[in-house]
């Protein structure tokens, strides 16, 4: 179950598919009725591209 405040009033959620080389970001519904890709963020040796992740989060 998503954390309180993690679901927007319109029922959408921001989801992350975290891998060792990339992080996929998608917007979907809280009920799991579908999702669409928003971004793919690269993960480097020193960790993810935090600036890019922050940008995607702020745009959401």
C-alpha atoms as a PDB file:
ATOM      1  CA  UNK A   1       0.000   0.000   0.000  1.00  0.00           C
ATOM      2  CA  UNK A   2       1.407   3.460  -0.832  1.00  0.00           C
ATOM      3  CA  UNK A   3       2.368   5.787   2.000  1.00  0.00           C
ATOM      4  CA  UNK A   4      -0.089   8.449   3.094  1.00  0.00           C
ATOM      5  CA  UNK A   5       0.344  11.424   0.795  1.00  0.00           C
ATOM      6  CA  UNK A   6       1.867   9.282  -1.963  1.00  0.00           C
ATOM      7  CA  UNK A   7      -1.391   9.272  -3.931  1.00  0.00           C
ATOM      8  CA  UNK A   8      -2.513  12.471  -5.621  1.00  0.00           C
ATOM      9  CA  UNK A   9      -6.141  13.545  -5.171  1.00  0.00           C
ATOM     10  CA  UNK A  10      -6.896  12.371  -8.727  1.00  0.00           C
ATOM     11  CA  UNK A  11      -5.745   8.841  -7.778  1.00  0.00           C
ATOM     12  CA  UNK A  12      -2.449   8.812  -9.660  1.00  0.00           C
ATOM     13  CA  UNK A  13       0.821   7.512  -8.286  1.00  0.00           C
ATOM     14  CA  UNK A  14       4.441   7.873  -9.348  1.00  0.00           C
ATOM     15  CA  UNK A  15       6.141   4.486  -9.595  1.00  0.00           C
ATOM     16  CA  UNK A  16       9.797   3.498  -9.797  1.00  0.00           C
ATOM     17  CA  UNK A  17      11.327   0.358 -11.291  1.00  0.00           C
ATOM     18  CA  UNK A  18      14.808   0.403  -9.775  1.00  0.00           C
ATOM     19  CA  UNK A  19      17.558  -1.531 -11.501  1.00  0.00           C
ATOM     20  CA  UNK A  20      21.328  -1.601 -11.174  1.00  0.00           C
ATOM     21  CA  UNK A  21      21.869   0.459 -14.364  1.00  0.00           C
ATOM     22  CA  UNK A  22      18.602   2.359 -14.841  1.00  0.00           C
ATOM     23  CA  UNK A  23      15.516   3.510 -12.962  1.00  0.00           C
ATOM     24  CA  UNK A  24      12.256   3.483 -14.880  1.00  0.00           C
ATOM     25  CA  UNK A  25       9.674   6.051 -13.801  1.00  0.00           C
ATOM     26  CA  UNK A  26       5.973   5.752 -14.609  1.00  0.00           C
ATOM     27  CA  UNK A  27       2.680   7.389 -13.690  1.00  0.00           C
ATOM     28  CA  UNK A  28      -0.170   5.029 -12.929  1.00  0.00           C
ATOM     29  CA  UNK A  29      -3.417   4.705 -11.044  1.00  0.00           C
ATOM     30  CA  UNK A  30      -3.642   3.744  -7.389  1.00  0.00           C
ATOM     31  CA  UNK A  31      -5.838   0.809  -8.402  1.00  0.00           C
ATOM     32  CA  UNK A  32      -3.255  -0.543 -10.841  1.00  0.00           C
ATOM     33  CA  UNK A  33      -5.485   0.031 -13.867  1.00  0.00           C
ATOM     34  CA  UNK A  34      -2.585   1.101 -16.069  1.00  0.00           C
ATOM     35  CA  UNK A  35       0.589   3.105 -16.238  1.00  0.00           C
ATOM     36  CA  UNK A  36       2.595   5.128 -18.727  1.00  0.00           C
ATOM     37  CA  UNK A  37       6.338   5.590 -18.871  1.00  0.00           C
ATOM     38  CA  UNK A  38       7.614   9.029 -17.910  1.00  0.00           C
ATOM     39  CA  UNK A  39      11.408   8.725 -17.832  1.00  0.00           C
ATOM     40  CA  UNK A  40      14.408   6.447 -17.657  1.00  0.00           C
ATOM     41  CA  UNK A  41      17.101   7.657 -15.264  1.00  0.00           C
ATOM     42  CA  UNK A  42      20.654   6.331 -15.479  1.00  0.00           C
ATOM     43  CA  UNK A  43      22.419   4.925 -12.435  1.00  0.00           C
ATOM     44  CA  UNK A  44      26.164   5.568 -12.351  1.00  0.00           C
ATOM     45  CA  UNK A  45      28.922   4.048 -10.215  1.00  0.00           C
ATOM     46  CA  UNK A  46      28.296   6.673  -7.521  1.00  0.00           C
ATOM     47  CA  UNK A  47      24.507   6.213  -7.551  1.00  0.00           C
ATOM     48  CA  UNK A  48      21.456   7.479  -9.411  1.00  0.00           C
ATOM     49  CA  UNK A  49      21.180  10.826 -11.158  1.00  0.00           C
ATOM     50  CA  UNK A  50      19.459  12.557  -8.226  1.00  0.00           C
ATOM     51  CA  UNK A  51      19.002  15.817 -10.146  1.00  0.00           C
ATOM     52  CA  UNK A  52      17.067  14.012 -12.885  1.00  0.00           C
ATOM     53  CA  UNK A  53      14.970  12.116 -10.325  1.00  0.00           C
ATOM     54  CA  UNK A  54      14.162  15.358  -8.516  1.00  0.00           C
ATOM     55  CA  UNK A  55      13.164  17.001 -11.817  1.00  0.00           C
ATOM     56  CA  UNK A  56      10.768  14.146 -12.674  1.00  0.00           C
ATOM     57  CA  UNK A  57       9.265  14.265  -9.178  1.00  0.00           C
ATOM     58  CA  UNK A  58       8.716  18.039  -9.347  1.00  0.00           C
ATOM     59  CA  UNK A  59       7.069  17.752 -12.785  1.00  0.00           C
ATOM     60  CA  UNK A  60       4.659  15.173 -11.410  1.00  0.00           C
END
